[in-house]
């Protein structure tokens, strides 16, 4: 059935196919075959990324305005990933976000704080900003009460929190062992509690947070502060903006444009490299080995791969340009590895399996965009669709809405002309999954899937997953066979 080579034979220490296809593939086209494995537990797998940017899980949040902001940056870095701040955010705002993110605790979540005289309406407006689900009522920096969503239901929106809060709440002393925190919260039947040093509030910890902090290693800089990243475009004073971002404390620079294999993009990468020093430089997007090599030769440490696979992107339908993502990642990763560099797979992931397959193809990290849009931590505001379902609005970075934001300093004529050339969806409702409303819930799902993929492949690291993976090509029916049945049928 598979005539060319035995299924366990590999070339050049990298993944191989049972039968090499003669056409390009995307993630739904391929499957991974189990290998003989000595990896007995998912916890034996180390997901530290080989690209040396500092991430301990292979998840990078794409630089989309509706998704990547301060809450996303903090939360994802705490779990080992990285969020890239968008290029259309002014440098002074990026500097404030970076400073704020680096001041966050690597274990404890940021509390939502209000005063006893604040209203129930104010509390309800803020509760959906954080997955821990509590408002800490403070006086002079000390917690005097806790308010949850349940306590706010059926209550006048103008009632003061002092009337509904749980007074003298359970608090956790800073530095308490994680298993003890979990046990105390379980015994007291509370999902989260304020963390204090003396009587001063320093954070919030939940039962899930305690569990996660025992599993994940935060992505941090040399000083132990949460890792940050920001994007820069290819127009204007690229080197000047990159230097300003570095001065603001950004750890990883991302040179971002839809068409990375063009002279202007190559020049921008060289300009950023000239000021970056030891900071990693990521550049893209490309889908070919030639494009990968050109960006690396210009100074990129990591190349972003993907043209058109994003959920909010219409490039392929508008232009016919792009490439199926699995094949693009495979080719570009091989070219990068030959030069001692790496690639990030950017776009097209909708399930944990897609991330595992991108890593098997050779990616060192995988960028996630719209998948994370419908979470508490994404940058947008939460809306109710009238039936009680919560959603956030998202939009593509080549859409008219995004172009309008990027060209705000131009004349009305220039902005109107630029708006004619949109290649993205300007507005889409991204509903929160009631079972997984926080980005950490989705990260748990991704990491569990990727760890399991590694155990099936007999891999303890991301590099080993690429080296050991054996893949096959499947029909649409084969893909459908692997999908679970609906809950009612």
Protein backbone atom coordinates (compact mmCIF):
# COMPACT_ATOMS: atom_id res chain seq x y z
CA UNK A 1 0.00 0.00 0.00
CA UNK A 2 2.91 2.35 0.76
CA UNK A 3 5.53 1.27 -1.78
CA UNK A 4 8.44 3.68 -1.52
CA UNK A 5 10.15 3.24 1.86
CA UNK A 6 9.43 1.40 5.10
CA UNK A 7 7.21 3.57 7.32
CA UNK A 8 9.79 3.95 10.11
CA UNK A 9 12.67 5.09 7.87
CA UNK A 10 13.44 8.81 8.12
CA UNK A 11 15.53 11.14 6.01
CA UNK A 12 17.81 13.78 7.55
CA UNK A 13 16.49 13.26 11.08
CA UNK A 14 13.13 14.87 10.39
CA UNK A 15 9.47 13.90 10.01
CA UNK A 16 8.51 11.80 7.02
CA UNK A 17 5.44 10.62 5.23
CA UNK A 18 4.23 7.08 4.84
CA UNK A 19 3.89 8.01 1.20
CA UNK A 20 5.13 11.34 -0.10
CA UNK A 21 2.22 13.27 -1.68
CA UNK A 22 2.58 15.10 -4.99
CA UNK A 23 0.57 18.15 -3.89
CA UNK A 24 0.57 20.68 -1.07
CA UNK A 25 -1.26 19.89 2.15
CA UNK A 26 -2.91 21.69 5.02
CA UNK A 27 -3.48 20.42 8.55
CA UNK A 28 -6.78 18.66 7.86
CA UNK A 29 -5.07 16.65 5.10
CA UNK A 30 -2.60 14.84 7.35
CA UNK A 31 -2.55 12.53 10.36
CA UNK A 32 0.19 11.26 12.65
CA UNK A 33 0.97 7.55 13.05
CA UNK A 34 1.79 6.24 16.55
CA UNK A 35 5.40 5.17 17.14
CA UNK A 36 6.95 2.78 19.62
CA UNK A 37 7.42 5.02 22.66
CA UNK A 38 9.28 5.02 25.97
CA UNK A 39 7.50 8.19 27.10
CA UNK A 40 5.16 6.94 29.80
CA UNK A 41 3.47 10.19 30.82
CA UNK A 42 2.51 13.51 29.28
CA UNK A 43 4.33 15.20 32.16
CA UNK A 44 7.61 13.75 30.87
CA UNK A 45 7.32 16.01 27.81
CA UNK A 46 9.23 19.31 27.86
CA UNK A 47 7.54 21.85 25.57
CA UNK A 48 10.23 24.52 25.88
CA UNK A 49 10.56 25.91 22.37
CA UNK A 50 13.84 25.47 20.47
CA UNK A 51 13.77 29.01 18.99
CA UNK A 52 15.44 30.50 22.08
CA UNK A 53 12.92 33.34 22.43
CA UNK A 54 12.12 32.23 26.00
CA UNK A 55 8.75 30.51 25.65
CA UNK A 56 8.15 27.29 27.55
CA UNK A 57 5.07 26.28 25.57
CA UNK A 58 4.72 26.62 21.77
CA UNK A 59 1.98 29.25 21.80
CA UNK A 60 2.34 32.81 20.48
CA UNK A 61 -0.67 35.13 20.36
CA UNK A 62 -0.84 36.89 17.01
CA UNK A 63 -0.46 40.66 16.86
CA UNK A 64 -4.14 41.36 16.21
CA UNK A 65 -5.63 44.53 17.68
CA UNK A 66 -8.84 42.83 18.81
CA UNK A 67 -6.94 40.05 20.59
CA UNK A 68 -3.50 40.92 21.89
CA UNK A 69 -3.39 43.46 24.72
CA UNK A 70 -2.19 43.75 28.28
CA UNK A 71 -4.43 41.08 29.82
CA UNK A 72 -3.55 38.62 27.09
CA UNK A 73 0.17 39.41 27.35
CA UNK A 74 0.20 38.90 31.10
CA UNK A 75 -1.87 35.74 31.19
CA UNK A 76 -0.20 33.93 28.30
CA UNK A 77 3.33 34.75 29.52
CA UNK A 78 2.42 33.45 32.97
CA UNK A 79 1.64 30.10 31.33
CA UNK A 80 4.80 30.06 29.23
CA UNK A 81 3.68 31.60 25.95
CA UNK A 82 4.08 35.01 24.35
CA UNK A 83 1.67 37.67 23.07
CA UNK A 84 2.79 40.06 20.32
CA UNK A 85 1.42 43.58 20.69
CA UNK A 86 0.11 44.99 17.38
CA UNK A 87 2.14 47.37 15.23
CA UNK A 88 -0.58 50.03 15.10
CA UNK A 89 -0.37 50.75 18.84
CA UNK A 90 1.62 53.95 19.56
CA UNK A 91 5.03 53.37 21.11
CA UNK A 92 4.16 55.25 24.31
CA UNK A 93 1.13 52.99 24.79
CA UNK A 94 3.25 49.89 24.12
CA UNK A 95 5.75 51.16 26.69
CA UNK A 96 3.00 51.49 29.29
CA UNK A 97 1.65 48.01 28.52
CA UNK A 98 5.12 46.46 28.68
CA UNK A 99 5.91 48.18 31.99
CA UNK A 100 2.58 47.06 33.39
CA UNK A 101 3.03 43.46 32.17
CA UNK A 102 6.50 43.19 33.64
CA UNK A 103 5.18 44.40 36.99
CA UNK A 104 2.72 41.48 37.16
CA UNK A 105 3.39 38.53 39.43
CA UNK A 106 4.53 35.34 37.63
CA UNK A 107 2.20 33.18 39.76
CA UNK A 108 -0.63 35.32 41.13
CA UNK A 109 -3.25 36.82 38.83
CA UNK A 110 -3.98 40.54 38.81
CA UNK A 111 -6.93 41.38 41.09
CA UNK A 112 -9.95 43.41 40.08
CA UNK A 113 -10.27 45.98 42.84
CA UNK A 114 -13.08 48.33 43.85
CA UNK A 115 -13.98 50.22 47.00
CA UNK A 116 -16.85 49.41 49.41
CA UNK A 117 -18.80 52.36 47.97
CA UNK A 118 -18.43 51.15 44.37
CA UNK A 119 -21.60 49.81 42.82
CA UNK A 120 -22.77 46.39 41.73
CA UNK A 121 -22.97 47.74 38.18
CA UNK A 122 -19.29 48.63 38.26
CA UNK A 123 -18.43 45.16 39.53
CA UNK A 124 -20.44 43.44 36.80
CA UNK A 125 -18.70 45.52 34.13
CA UNK A 126 -15.30 44.34 35.36
CA UNK A 127 -15.91 40.71 36.31
CA UNK A 128 -15.64 39.52 32.71
CA UNK A 129 -12.18 41.05 32.38
CA UNK A 130 -10.58 38.24 34.40
CA UNK A 131 -11.12 34.50 34.46
CA UNK A 132 -10.69 34.26 38.24
CA UNK A 133 -14.22 35.70 38.63
CA UNK A 134 -13.92 37.80 41.78
CA UNK A 135 -13.78 41.49 42.63
CA UNK A 136 -11.67 42.26 45.68
CA UNK A 137 -13.09 45.10 47.76
CA UNK A 138 -10.20 47.09 49.24
CA UNK A 139 -9.64 49.86 51.74
CA UNK A 140 -6.17 51.41 52.05
CA UNK A 141 -4.69 48.56 49.99
CA UNK A 142 -6.12 45.80 52.18
CA UNK A 143 -8.89 43.37 51.16
CA UNK A 144 -12.06 43.82 53.20
CA UNK A 145 -14.45 41.84 51.04
CA UNK A 146 -14.96 39.70 47.95
CA UNK A 147 -17.75 39.92 45.37
CA UNK A 148 -18.68 37.30 42.77
CA UNK A 149 -21.09 37.39 39.85
CA UNK A 150 -23.60 35.30 41.79
CA UNK A 151 -23.75 37.87 44.58
CA UNK A 152 -24.58 40.58 42.02
CA UNK A 153 -27.51 38.81 40.42
CA UNK A 154 -30.97 40.06 41.36
CA UNK A 155 -29.46 43.08 43.08
CA UNK A 156 -30.02 46.73 42.20
CA UNK A 157 -27.15 47.85 39.95
CA UNK A 158 -26.68 50.97 42.08
CA UNK A 159 -26.31 49.03 45.34
CA UNK A 160 -22.94 49.50 47.00
CA UNK A 161 -20.56 46.55 47.22
CA UNK A 162 -20.47 46.86 51.00
CA UNK A 163 -24.06 45.60 50.94
CA UNK A 164 -23.41 42.43 48.93
CA UNK A 165 -19.76 41.49 49.54
CA UNK A 166 -18.47 38.62 51.62
CA UNK A 167 -16.77 40.51 54.42
CA UNK A 168 -13.50 39.42 56.07
CA UNK A 169 -12.77 37.05 53.19
CA UNK A 170 -10.38 34.13 53.16
CA UNK A 171 -6.90 35.34 52.20
CA UNK A 172 -3.80 33.40 51.15
CA UNK A 173 -0.39 34.52 52.49
CA UNK A 174 2.08 35.18 49.67
CA UNK A 175 4.57 32.34 49.28
CA UNK A 176 2.18 29.60 50.39
CA UNK A 177 2.94 26.27 48.69
CA UNK A 178 0.74 25.60 45.68
CA UNK A 179 -0.67 22.26 46.93
CA UNK A 180 -1.61 23.92 50.22
CA UNK A 181 -3.33 26.78 48.38
CA UNK A 182 -5.36 24.26 46.40
CA UNK A 183 -6.31 22.33 49.55
CA UNK A 184 -7.30 25.45 51.49
CA UNK A 185 -9.48 26.77 48.66
CA UNK A 186 -11.08 23.35 48.24
CA UNK A 187 -11.74 22.98 51.96
CA UNK A 188 -13.29 26.44 52.13
CA UNK A 189 -15.29 25.79 48.93
CA UNK A 190 -14.15 28.96 47.21
CA UNK A 191 -12.79 29.08 43.69
CA UNK A 192 -10.40 32.00 44.24
CA UNK A 193 -9.06 34.19 47.03
CA UNK A 194 -6.96 37.33 47.51
CA UNK A 195 -3.23 36.89 48.13
CA UNK A 196 -1.69 39.16 50.75
CA UNK A 197 1.70 40.16 52.12
CA UNK A 198 0.93 41.14 55.68
CA UNK A 199 -2.43 42.81 55.11
CA UNK A 200 -1.60 44.25 51.67
CA UNK A 201 -3.24 42.81 48.56
CA UNK A 202 -0.70 41.48 46.04
CA UNK A 203 -2.81 39.28 43.77
CA UNK A 204 -5.47 36.63 43.37
CA UNK A 205 -5.06 32.86 43.18
CA UNK A 206 -7.66 30.32 42.14
CA UNK A 207 -7.73 26.56 42.50
CA UNK A 208 -7.07 26.17 38.79
CA UNK A 209 -4.36 28.80 39.02
CA UNK A 210 -2.56 26.83 41.71
CA UNK A 211 -2.76 23.68 39.60
CA UNK A 212 -1.54 25.48 36.48
CA UNK A 213 1.38 27.11 38.26
CA UNK A 214 2.53 23.63 39.30
CA UNK A 215 2.51 22.53 35.63
CA UNK A 216 3.51 25.57 33.58
CA UNK A 217 6.77 27.52 33.73
CA UNK A 218 6.30 31.24 33.07
CA UNK A 219 8.03 32.82 30.07
CA UNK A 220 10.35 35.38 31.64
CA UNK A 221 13.28 37.62 30.80
CA UNK A 222 16.74 37.51 32.41
CA UNK A 223 15.37 39.35 35.44
CA UNK A 224 12.51 36.91 35.97
CA UNK A 225 9.89 39.35 34.64
CA UNK A 226 7.17 38.27 32.22
CA UNK A 227 8.25 38.15 28.58
CA UNK A 228 6.89 40.72 26.12
CA UNK A 229 6.87 41.22 22.36
CA UNK A 230 5.71 43.87 19.92
CA UNK A 231 5.38 44.18 16.15
CA UNK A 232 6.79 46.80 13.83
CA UNK A 233 5.75 47.33 10.23
CA UNK A 234 7.96 47.88 7.20
CA UNK A 235 7.09 51.54 6.52
CA UNK A 236 8.52 54.72 7.97
CA UNK A 237 11.42 54.85 10.42
CA UNK A 238 11.57 51.13 11.11
CA UNK A 239 14.88 51.20 12.96
CA UNK A 240 13.75 54.17 15.05
CA UNK A 241 10.55 52.46 16.12
CA UNK A 242 12.37 49.19 16.85
CA UNK A 243 14.87 51.06 19.00
CA UNK A 244 12.06 52.79 20.88
CA UNK A 245 10.33 49.46 21.51
CA UNK A 246 13.54 47.95 22.86
CA UNK A 247 14.05 51.01 25.09
CA UNK A 248 10.51 50.44 26.38
CA UNK A 249 11.49 46.94 27.51
CA UNK A 250 10.16 44.80 24.65
CA UNK A 251 11.99 41.46 24.61
CA UNK A 252 11.11 40.11 21.15
CA UNK A 253 10.71 42.21 17.99
CA UNK A 254 8.40 41.05 15.20
CA UNK A 255 8.75 42.60 11.75
CA UNK A 256 5.32 42.00 10.29
CA UNK A 257 3.85 42.38 6.84
CA UNK A 258 1.46 40.27 4.79
CA UNK A 259 4.05 39.83 2.01
CA UNK A 260 7.40 39.25 3.69
CA UNK A 261 9.27 38.24 0.55
CA UNK A 262 9.66 41.71 -0.89
CA UNK A 263 12.57 44.12 -1.00
CA UNK A 264 11.01 46.55 1.46
CA UNK A 265 10.48 43.79 4.04
CA UNK A 266 14.05 42.52 3.64
CA UNK A 267 15.36 46.05 4.15
CA UNK A 268 13.14 46.48 7.23
CA UNK A 269 14.51 43.27 8.77
CA UNK A 270 18.07 44.47 8.20
CA UNK A 271 17.20 47.81 9.81
CA UNK A 272 15.71 46.14 12.87
CA UNK A 273 18.63 43.73 13.14
CA UNK A 274 21.02 46.70 13.18
CA UNK A 275 19.49 47.99 16.44
CA UNK A 276 18.22 44.78 18.03
CA UNK A 277 21.42 43.65 19.70
CA UNK A 278 20.78 40.33 21.44
CA UNK A 279 16.99 40.62 21.16
CA UNK A 280 15.40 37.98 18.91
CA UNK A 281 14.08 39.30 15.60
CA UNK A 282 11.07 37.54 14.06
CA UNK A 283 10.04 38.40 10.51
CA UNK A 284 7.42 37.39 7.97
CA UNK A 285 5.25 36.32 6.41
CA UNK A 286 6.51 33.93 3.74
CA UNK A 287 5.59 30.47 2.43
CA UNK A 288 8.69 29.38 0.52
CA UNK A 289 12.23 28.25 1.27
CA UNK A 290 13.60 31.14 -0.78
CA UNK A 291 11.62 33.69 1.20
CA UNK A 292 12.77 32.09 4.44
CA UNK A 293 16.42 32.23 3.44
CA UNK A 294 16.20 35.86 2.31
CA UNK A 295 14.74 37.00 5.64
CA UNK A 296 17.29 35.01 7.63
CA UNK A 297 20.15 36.43 5.57
CA UNK A 298 18.75 39.90 6.30
CA UNK A 299 18.96 39.22 10.05
CA UNK A 300 15.87 37.31 11.17
CA UNK A 301 16.30 34.72 13.91
CA UNK A 302 12.80 33.37 13.32
CA UNK A 303 10.62 33.49 10.19
CA UNK A 304 6.82 33.62 10.31
CA UNK A 305 5.17 31.25 7.85
CA UNK A 306 1.66 31.66 6.48
CA UNK A 307 -0.14 33.60 3.77
CA UNK A 308 -3.92 33.40 3.81
CA UNK A 309 -4.76 30.66 6.35
CA UNK A 310 -6.13 32.96 9.06
CA UNK A 311 -9.77 32.74 10.04
CA UNK A 312 -10.27 36.49 9.47
CA UNK A 313 -8.18 36.67 6.29
CA UNK A 314 -9.65 36.87 2.78
CA UNK A 315 -6.33 37.07 0.91
CA UNK A 316 -6.69 33.76 -0.88
CA UNK A 317 -10.24 34.45 -1.98
CA UNK A 318 -9.36 37.98 -3.10
CA UNK A 319 -6.03 37.26 -4.78
CA UNK A 320 -5.57 33.52 -5.21
CA UNK A 321 -2.24 33.93 -3.41
CA UNK A 322 -1.08 31.75 -0.52
CA UNK A 323 -0.17 28.16 0.17
CA UNK A 324 -1.65 25.29 2.20
CA UNK A 325 -0.17 25.75 5.63
CA UNK A 326 1.29 22.35 6.49
CA UNK A 327 3.41 22.20 3.32
CA UNK A 328 4.45 25.84 3.74
CA UNK A 329 5.65 25.19 7.29
CA UNK A 330 7.45 21.99 6.31
CA UNK A 331 9.41 23.61 3.49
CA UNK A 332 10.23 26.82 5.34
CA UNK A 333 11.22 24.99 8.53
CA UNK A 334 13.67 22.81 6.61
CA UNK A 335 15.24 25.88 5.01
CA UNK A 336 15.52 27.65 8.35
CA UNK A 337 17.00 24.65 10.15
CA UNK A 338 19.67 24.34 7.47
CA UNK A 339 20.78 27.85 8.50
CA UNK A 340 20.49 27.19 12.24
CA UNK A 341 17.28 29.21 12.57
CA UNK A 342 13.58 28.51 13.16
CA UNK A 343 10.06 29.29 11.96
CA UNK A 344 6.75 30.10 13.60
CA UNK A 345 3.64 28.67 11.97
CA UNK A 346 1.25 31.62 11.66
CA UNK A 347 -2.44 30.92 11.09
CA UNK A 348 -4.75 28.10 10.16
CA UNK A 349 -4.94 26.42 13.58
CA UNK A 350 -8.40 25.63 14.86
CA UNK A 351 -7.80 22.56 17.04
CA UNK A 352 -4.95 21.29 19.26
CA UNK A 353 -4.15 18.69 16.57
CA UNK A 354 -3.24 21.50 14.17
CA UNK A 355 -0.63 22.85 16.58
CA UNK A 356 0.84 19.38 17.08
CA UNK A 357 1.03 18.90 13.31
CA UNK A 358 2.67 22.31 12.80
CA UNK A 359 5.34 21.31 15.33
CA UNK A 360 5.75 17.94 13.62
CA UNK A 361 6.28 19.83 10.34
CA UNK A 362 9.17 21.68 11.98
CA UNK A 363 7.74 24.84 13.52
CA UNK A 364 9.32 25.94 16.79
CA UNK A 365 6.24 27.92 17.85
CA UNK A 366 2.68 28.33 16.60
CA UNK A 367 0.81 31.63 16.38
CA UNK A 368 -2.84 31.71 17.40
CA UNK A 369 -5.23 34.54 16.53
CA UNK A 370 -9.00 34.26 16.16
CA UNK A 371 -9.14 31.10 18.26
CA UNK A 372 -8.31 33.28 21.27
CA UNK A 373 -10.63 36.15 20.34
CA UNK A 374 -13.59 34.80 22.28
CA UNK A 375 -11.92 34.80 25.71
CA UNK A 376 -12.01 37.01 28.79
CA UNK A 377 -8.44 38.13 28.14
CA UNK A 378 -8.74 39.31 24.53
CA UNK A 379 -8.60 43.05 24.01
CA UNK A 380 -12.23 43.67 23.08
CA UNK A 381 -15.23 44.40 25.25
CA UNK A 382 -17.80 41.71 25.99
CA UNK A 383 -21.27 42.03 24.49
CA UNK A 384 -24.52 40.15 25.05
CA UNK A 385 -26.34 39.04 21.91
CA UNK A 386 -29.72 39.41 23.60
CA UNK A 387 -30.14 35.74 24.36
CA UNK A 388 -27.61 35.67 27.18
CA UNK A 389 -24.71 34.49 25.01
CA UNK A 390 -21.53 36.52 25.42
CA UNK A 391 -19.29 37.48 22.51
CA UNK A 392 -16.48 39.78 21.47
CA UNK A 393 -15.98 41.46 18.13
CA UNK A 394 -12.90 40.52 16.13
CA UNK A 395 -11.49 41.71 12.81
CA UNK A 396 -8.65 40.87 10.44
CA UNK A 397 -5.52 43.01 10.33
CA UNK A 398 -5.90 43.65 6.60
CA UNK A 399 -9.57 44.60 6.95
CA UNK A 400 -10.91 48.11 6.31
CA UNK A 401 -11.31 48.56 10.07
CA UNK A 402 -7.66 47.73 10.76
CA UNK A 403 -6.40 49.77 7.81
CA UNK A 404 -8.38 52.77 9.06
CA UNK A 405 -6.68 52.52 12.46
CA UNK A 406 -3.20 52.19 10.93
CA UNK A 407 -3.67 55.18 8.62
CA UNK A 408 -5.24 57.54 11.15
CA UNK A 409 -2.41 60.07 10.74
CA UNK A 410 -2.90 60.33 6.98
CA UNK A 411 -5.19 62.68 5.10
CA UNK A 412 -8.82 61.77 4.59
CA UNK A 413 -8.18 61.12 0.90
CA UNK A 414 -5.21 58.82 1.57
CA UNK A 415 -7.15 56.93 4.23
CA UNK A 416 -10.14 56.47 1.93
CA UNK A 417 -7.90 55.22 -0.87
CA UNK A 418 -6.16 52.73 1.42
CA UNK A 419 -9.56 51.49 2.56
CA UNK A 420 -10.36 50.33 -0.96
CA UNK A 421 -7.79 47.55 -0.67
CA UNK A 422 -9.02 45.53 2.29
CA UNK A 423 -8.30 41.80 2.49
CA UNK A 424 -9.89 40.83 5.76
CA UNK A 425 -13.17 40.60 7.66
CA UNK A 426 -14.00 43.86 9.44
CA UNK A 427 -16.33 42.46 12.09
CA UNK A 428 -17.11 39.00 13.35
CA UNK A 429 -18.75 37.79 16.55
CA UNK A 430 -16.50 35.44 18.50
CA UNK A 431 -18.63 33.76 21.15
CA UNK A 432 -17.20 32.77 24.51
CA UNK A 433 -17.39 29.05 25.16
CA UNK A 434 -19.09 28.72 28.57
CA UNK A 435 -16.95 25.65 29.27
CA UNK A 436 -13.70 27.40 28.25
CA UNK A 437 -14.19 31.16 28.56
CA UNK A 438 -10.59 32.00 29.51
CA UNK A 439 -7.47 31.81 27.35
CA UNK A 440 -5.89 29.58 29.99
CA UNK A 441 -8.68 27.04 29.40
CA UNK A 442 -7.72 26.95 25.73
CA UNK A 443 -4.02 26.74 26.56
CA UNK A 444 -4.75 23.76 28.82
CA UNK A 445 -6.52 22.08 25.92
CA UNK A 446 -3.69 22.84 23.49
CA UNK A 447 -0.91 21.74 25.81
CA UNK A 448 -2.71 18.53 26.75
CA UNK A 449 -3.14 17.70 23.06
CA UNK A 450 0.45 18.48 22.11
CA UNK A 451 1.86 16.56 25.07
CA UNK A 452 -0.24 13.54 24.08
CA UNK A 453 0.95 13.84 20.48
CA UNK A 454 4.52 13.73 21.75
CA UNK A 455 3.87 10.57 23.76
CA UNK A 456 2.35 8.89 20.69
CA UNK A 457 5.42 9.87 18.66
CA UNK A 458 7.83 8.79 21.41
CA UNK A 459 9.11 12.37 21.77
CA UNK A 460 10.14 14.20 24.94
CA UNK A 461 10.81 17.56 23.26
CA UNK A 462 9.52 19.62 20.35
CA UNK A 463 12.68 18.83 18.36
CA UNK A 464 12.13 15.12 18.93
CA UNK A 465 8.52 15.42 17.78
CA UNK A 466 9.76 16.80 14.46
CA UNK A 467 12.45 14.14 14.23
CA UNK A 468 10.22 11.17 15.02
CA UNK A 469 6.87 12.10 13.50
CA UNK A 470 5.51 9.80 10.80
CA UNK A 471 2.58 11.24 8.87
CA UNK A 472 0.04 10.07 6.37
CA UNK A 473 -2.34 11.78 3.98
CA UNK A 474 -6.08 11.34 4.50
CA UNK A 475 -9.28 12.01 2.61
CA UNK A 476 -11.97 14.38 3.81
CA UNK A 477 -13.84 11.30 5.02
CA UNK A 478 -10.78 10.23 6.99
CA UNK A 479 -10.66 13.60 8.70
CA UNK A 480 -14.37 13.48 9.42
CA UNK A 481 -13.98 10.01 10.95
CA UNK A 482 -11.70 11.50 13.59
CA UNK A 483 -14.20 14.12 14.68
CA UNK A 484 -16.37 13.32 17.70
CA UNK A 485 -20.08 12.88 17.17
CA UNK A 486 -22.32 15.79 18.20
CA UNK A 487 -23.76 15.54 21.70
CA UNK A 488 -27.19 14.83 20.26
CA UNK A 489 -27.75 12.96 17.00
